[in-house]
C-alpha atoms as a PDB file:
ATOM      1  CA  MET A   1      66.640  -2.616  35.730  1.00  0.00           C
ATOM      2  CA  THR A   2      69.165  -1.336  37.302  1.00  0.00           C
ATOM      3  CA  ASP A   3      72.022  -3.777  36.747  1.00  0.00           C
ATOM      4  CA  ILE A   4      71.490  -3.725  32.769  1.00  0.00           C
ATOM      5  CA  GLN A   5      73.229  -0.655  31.213  1.00  0.00           C
ATOM      6  CA  ARG A   6      71.211   1.303  28.823  1.00  0.00           C
ATOM      7  CA  ILE A   7      72.172   3.341  25.742  1.00  0.00           C
ATOM      8  CA  ASP A   8      70.400   6.093  23.934  1.00  0.00           C
ATOM      9  CA  PRO A   9      69.520   5.881  20.132  1.00  0.00           C
ATOM     10  CA  ALA A  10      71.726   8.438  19.723  1.00  0.00           C
ATOM     11  CA  ALA A  11      74.550   7.392  21.331  1.00  0.00           C
ATOM     12  CA  PHE A  12      74.245   4.402  20.171  1.00  0.00           C
ATOM     13  CA  GLN A  13      73.815   5.182  16.224  1.00  0.00           C
ATOM     14  CA  GLU A  14      77.393   7.248  16.850  1.00  0.00           C
ATOM     15  CA  MET A  15      79.092   4.009  17.808  1.00  0.00           C
ATOM     16  CA  LEU A  16      77.874   1.821  15.364  1.00  0.00           C
ATOM     17  CA  GLU A  17      78.934   4.191  12.709  1.00  0.00           C
ATOM     18  CA  GLY A  18      81.894   5.482  14.442  1.00  0.00           C
ATOM     19  CA  GLY A  19      83.008   1.450  14.097  1.00  0.00           C
ATOM     20  CA  GLU A  20      83.390   1.544  18.369  1.00  0.00           C
ATOM     21  CA  LEU A  21      80.757  -1.441  18.396  1.00  0.00           C
ATOM     22  CA  GLU A  22      82.549  -3.534  16.043  1.00  0.00           C
ATOM     23  CA  GLY A  23      83.227  -7.006  17.612  1.00  0.00           C
ATOM     24  CA  GLN A  24      80.656  -6.271  20.182  1.00  0.00           C
ATOM     25  CA  MET A  25      77.226  -8.012  19.369  1.00  0.00           C
ATOM     26  CA  ILE A  26      74.305  -6.337  18.317  1.00  0.00           C
ATOM     27  CA  LEU A  27      70.987  -8.910  19.306  1.00  0.00           C
ATOM     28  CA  ASP A  28      68.008  -7.789  17.562  1.00  0.00           C
ATOM     29  CA  VAL A  29      64.941  -9.684  19.119  1.00  0.00           C
ATOM     30  CA  ARG A  30      61.870  -8.808  16.923  1.00  0.00           C
ATOM     31  CA  GLU A  31      60.303 -11.185  14.782  1.00  0.00           C
ATOM     32  CA  PRO A  32      61.166 -12.040  11.166  1.00  0.00           C
ATOM     33  CA  TYR A  33      58.398  -9.927   9.826  1.00  0.00           C
ATOM     34  CA  GLU A  34      59.430  -7.093  11.582  1.00  0.00           C
ATOM     35  CA  TRP A  35      63.181  -7.495  11.246  1.00  0.00           C
ATOM     36  CA  GLU A  36      62.241  -7.983   7.063  1.00  0.00           C
ATOM     37  CA  TYR A  37      60.345  -4.222   7.615  1.00  0.00           C
ATOM     38  CA  TYR A  38      63.442  -2.508   9.145  1.00  0.00           C
ATOM     39  CA  HIS A  39      66.533  -3.836  10.439  1.00  0.00           C
ATOM     40  CA  ASP A  40      70.766  -2.976  10.401  1.00  0.00           C
ATOM     41  CA  ASP A  41      72.697  -5.502   8.284  1.00  0.00           C
ATOM     42  CA  ARG A  42      75.287  -5.599  11.934  1.00  0.00           C
ATOM     43  CA  ALA A  43      72.729  -7.084  13.743  1.00  0.00           C
ATOM     44  CA  VAL A  44      71.619 -10.933  14.727  1.00  0.00           C
ATOM     45  CA  LEU A  45      68.186 -12.261  14.371  1.00  0.00           C
ATOM     46  CA  MET A  46      67.303 -14.182  17.398  1.00  0.00           C
ATOM     47  CA  PRO A  47      63.067 -13.468  18.399  1.00  0.00           C
ATOM     48  CA  MET A  48      62.684 -13.451  21.643  1.00  0.00           C
ATOM     49  CA  ASN A  49      60.653 -16.953  22.214  1.00  0.00           C
ATOM     50  CA  THR A  50      63.759 -18.584  20.488  1.00  0.00           C
ATOM     51  CA  ILE A  51      66.301 -16.910  22.874  1.00  0.00           C
ATOM     52  CA  PRO A  52      66.033 -19.679  25.608  1.00  0.00           C
ATOM     53  CA  ALA A  53      67.009 -22.208  22.906  1.00  0.00           C
ATOM     54  CA  ARG A  54      69.389 -20.622  21.647  1.00  0.00           C
ATOM     55  CA  MET A  55      71.818 -18.888  23.855  1.00  0.00           C
ATOM     56  CA  GLU A  56      74.618 -20.914  23.312  1.00  0.00           C
ATOM     57  CA  GLU A  57      75.022 -18.645  20.509  1.00  0.00           C
ATOM     58  CA  LEU A  58      75.563 -15.445  22.063  1.00  0.00           C
ATOM     59  CA  PRO A  59      79.000 -14.653  23.351  1.00  0.00           C
ATOM     60  CA  ARG A  60      79.988 -14.052  27.064  1.00  0.00           C
ATOM     61  CA  ASP A  61      82.839 -12.935  26.709  1.00  0.00           C
ATOM     62  CA  ARG A  62      81.812  -9.113  24.873  1.00  0.00           C
ATOM     63  CA  SER A  63      79.071  -6.973  25.289  1.00  0.00           C
ATOM     64  CA  ILE A  64      75.818  -7.552  23.336  1.00  0.00           C
ATOM     65  CA  TYR A  65      73.558  -4.669  22.769  1.00  0.00           C
ATOM     66  CA  VAL A  66      70.189  -5.503  22.935  1.00  0.00           C
ATOM     67  CA  VAL A  67      67.556  -4.050  20.345  1.00  0.00           C
ATOM     68  CA  CYS A  68      63.948  -4.364  19.482  1.00  0.00           C
ATOM     69  CA  ALA A  69      61.344  -2.505  18.154  1.00  0.00           C
ATOM     70  CA  HIS A  70      60.437   0.046  20.939  1.00  0.00           C
ATOM     71  CA  GLY A  71      62.665  -1.164  23.629  1.00  0.00           C
ATOM     72  CA  VAL A  72      60.236  -2.825  25.624  1.00  0.00           C
ATOM     73  CA  ARG A  73      61.178  -6.982  24.436  1.00  0.00           C
ATOM     74  CA  SER A  74      64.831  -5.864  25.001  1.00  0.00           C
ATOM     75  CA  VAL A  75      64.384  -5.341  28.781  1.00  0.00           C
ATOM     76  CA  ASN A  76      62.701  -8.352  29.118  1.00  0.00           C
ATOM     77  CA  VAL A  77      65.460 -10.398  27.142  1.00  0.00           C
ATOM     78  CA  CYS A  78      68.263  -8.343  28.604  1.00  0.00           C
ATOM     79  CA  LEU A  79      67.039  -9.291  32.002  1.00  0.00           C
ATOM     80  CA  TYR A  80      66.399 -13.036  31.504  1.00  0.00           C
ATOM     81  CA  LEU A  81      70.052 -12.630  30.253  1.00  0.00           C
ATOM     82  CA  ARG A  82      71.274 -11.534  33.185  1.00  0.00           C
ATOM     83  CA  GLN A  83      69.797 -14.266  35.580  1.00  0.00           C
ATOM     84  CA  GLN A  84      71.500 -16.652  33.124  1.00  0.00           C
ATOM     85  CA  GLY A  85      74.452 -15.072  33.893  1.00  0.00           C
ATOM     86  CA  PHE A  86      75.548 -12.826  30.942  1.00  0.00           C
ATOM     87  CA  ASP A  87      77.181  -9.952  32.414  1.00  0.00           C
ATOM     88  CA  ASN A  88      78.139  -7.729  29.381  1.00  0.00           C
ATOM     89  CA  LEU A  89      73.968  -6.313  28.165  1.00  0.00           C
ATOM     90  CA  VAL A  90      73.219  -2.952  26.808  1.00  0.00           C
ATOM     91  CA  ASN A  91      69.530  -1.643  26.175  1.00  0.00           C
ATOM     92  CA  VAL A  92      69.113   0.254  23.292  1.00  0.00           C
ATOM     93  CA  ASP A  93      66.664   2.704  24.433  1.00  0.00           C
ATOM     94  CA  GLY A  94      64.095   3.237  22.200  1.00  0.00           C
ATOM     95  CA  GLY A  95      64.899   0.669  19.465  1.00  0.00           C
ATOM     96  CA  MET A  96      64.403   0.489  16.355  1.00  0.00           C
ATOM     97  CA  ALA A  97      61.994   2.758  15.682  1.00  0.00           C
ATOM     98  CA  ALA A  98      64.000   5.539  17.573  1.00  0.00           C
ATOM     99  CA  ILE A  99      67.014   4.188  15.575  1.00  0.00           C
ATOM    100  CA  ALA A 100      65.151   4.435  12.150  1.00  0.00           C
ATOM    101  CA  SER A 101      63.907   7.881  13.134  1.00  0.00           C
ATOM    102  CA  LEU A 102      67.265   9.290  14.027  1.00  0.00           C
ATOM    103  CA  ARG A 103      68.391   7.405  10.374  1.00  0.00           C
ATOM    104  CA  GLY A 104      64.942   9.777   8.683  1.00  0.00           C
ATOM    105  CA  PHE A 105      62.972   6.684   8.226  1.00  0.00           C
ATOM    106  CA  GLN A 106      59.541   6.682   9.953  1.00  0.00           C
ATOM    107  CA  TYR A 107      59.407   3.275  10.886  1.00  0.00           C
ATOM    108  CA  ASP A 108      55.565   2.958  12.521  1.00  0.00           C
END
């Protein structure tokens, strides 16, 4: 995973709350039932298995911050998108569980 940027959940949360991610894409690759349980309204839901069919919806000219539940699926999506020619990918380590914890919400 050396060519995929990573960000820890605290830094991601700080950037999110500080408006530094304005104009960037936050891509949530979890399933709809996970999204319904807990999500950030600034994210776009695109379940991992739908990515190949929906790649035209992804920007190539700005960063994509990829998040899942715990950071495993998001790494795989980053690796896949890198193979498809996307450059500005950032994996959110720990996923929504870590972000939720920082916000005082018990994710699982």
